[in-house]
Amino acid sequence: MSSLKELQDLIQEKYGLDPAALDPNASMRDKGFDSLTLVEFVFAVEDHFKISMPDTDVNVDTLAELAAMVDKTLAAQPASAPAK
């Protein structure tokens, strides 16, 4: 399952940007996201999904790339043990 929809919702919540206005394959920098804003958004994404993304992947430029990173990170996490 792709995290793209949740990322679009998070962008709308944090920045008031209509998800329809942000092409997932277009540069987020073209929509006014500077380097600091992108880093802050990555931190928000990590908090939202309760993950820690590898530092090697911090140079994402599109929402689709970020969604792929989130999906990859989520898939690599061990399944949580059922509660007793």
Protein backbone atom coordinates (compact mmCIF):
# COMPACT_ATOMS: atom_id res chain seq x y z
CA MET A 1 0.00 0.00 0.00
CA SER A 2 1.35 3.40 -0.93
CA SER A 3 1.71 6.13 1.65
CA LEU A 4 1.15 8.84 -0.99
CA LYS A 5 -2.41 9.73 0.10
CA GLU A 6 -1.35 10.07 3.75
CA LEU A 7 1.57 12.28 2.69
CA GLN A 8 -0.77 14.48 0.66
CA ASP A 9 -3.08 14.79 3.67
CA LEU A 10 -0.11 15.64 5.91
CA ILE A 11 1.02 18.39 3.51
CA GLN A 12 -2.46 19.85 3.57
CA GLU A 13 -2.58 19.71 7.36
CA LYS A 14 0.88 21.25 7.92
CA TYR A 15 1.13 23.74 5.07
CA GLY A 16 -2.43 24.29 3.85
CA LEU A 17 -1.44 23.16 0.37
CA ASP A 18 -4.21 21.47 -1.61
CA PRO A 19 -2.95 17.96 -2.45
CA ALA A 20 -4.41 18.33 -5.95
CA ALA A 21 -2.09 21.30 -6.49
CA LEU A 22 1.01 19.18 -5.90
CA ASP A 23 1.86 16.73 -8.67
CA PRO A 24 3.46 13.74 -6.92
CA ASN A 25 6.14 13.61 -9.63
CA ALA A 26 6.94 17.32 -9.67
CA SER A 27 9.66 18.94 -7.58
CA MET A 28 8.36 20.08 -4.20
CA ARG A 29 10.85 22.94 -4.47
CA ASP A 30 8.79 24.29 -7.36
CA LYS A 31 5.90 24.67 -4.90
CA GLY A 32 7.99 26.72 -2.48
CA PHE A 33 9.51 23.99 -0.31
CA ASP A 34 13.07 25.06 0.49
CA SER A 35 15.65 22.69 1.98
CA LEU A 36 14.70 23.52 5.58
CA THR A 37 10.99 23.01 4.91
CA LEU A 38 11.71 19.66 3.27
CA VAL A 39 13.77 18.52 6.26
CA GLU A 40 11.02 19.64 8.64
CA PHE A 41 8.46 17.78 6.54
CA VAL A 42 10.57 14.61 6.62
CA PHE A 43 10.65 14.87 10.44
CA ALA A 44 6.86 15.27 10.45
CA VAL A 45 6.57 12.23 8.17
CA GLU A 46 8.77 10.18 10.52
CA ASP A 47 6.61 11.21 13.47
CA HIS A 48 3.38 10.48 11.58
CA PHE A 49 4.43 7.00 10.46
CA LYS A 50 6.53 6.31 13.59
CA ILE A 51 9.57 5.46 11.49
CA SER A 52 13.16 6.60 11.13
CA MET A 53 14.23 7.04 7.54
CA PRO A 54 17.84 6.46 6.51
CA ASP A 55 19.95 9.62 6.32
CA THR A 56 21.17 8.50 2.91
CA ASP A 57 17.73 9.19 1.43
CA VAL A 58 17.22 12.78 2.59
CA ASN A 59 17.64 14.28 -0.88
CA VAL A 60 14.10 13.57 -2.03
CA ASP A 61 12.65 16.07 -4.45
CA THR A 62 9.17 14.76 -5.21
CA LEU A 63 6.28 13.51 -3.16
CA ALA A 64 6.39 10.24 -5.11
CA GLU A 65 10.04 9.73 -4.11
CA LEU A 66 9.18 10.43 -0.49
CA ALA A 67 6.24 8.00 -0.61
CA ALA A 68 8.54 5.32 -2.05
CA MET A 69 11.03 5.91 0.78
CA VAL A 70 8.29 5.72 3.41
CA ASP A 71 6.87 2.53 1.88
CA LYS A 72 10.34 0.97 1.74
CA THR A 73 11.06 1.92 5.35
CA LEU A 74 7.70 0.60 6.54
CA ALA A 75 8.19 -2.67 4.64
CA ALA A 76 11.62 -3.16 6.25
CA GLN A 77 10.25 -2.89 9.77
CA PRO A 78 9.72 -6.16 11.60
CA ALA A 79 6.10 -7.05 12.16
CA SER A 80 5.03 -6.10 15.63
CA ALA A 81 4.29 -8.96 17.95
CA PRO A 82 0.65 -9.47 18.89
CA ALA A 83 -0.33 -8.09 22.27
CA LYS A 84 -0.79 -10.63 25.05
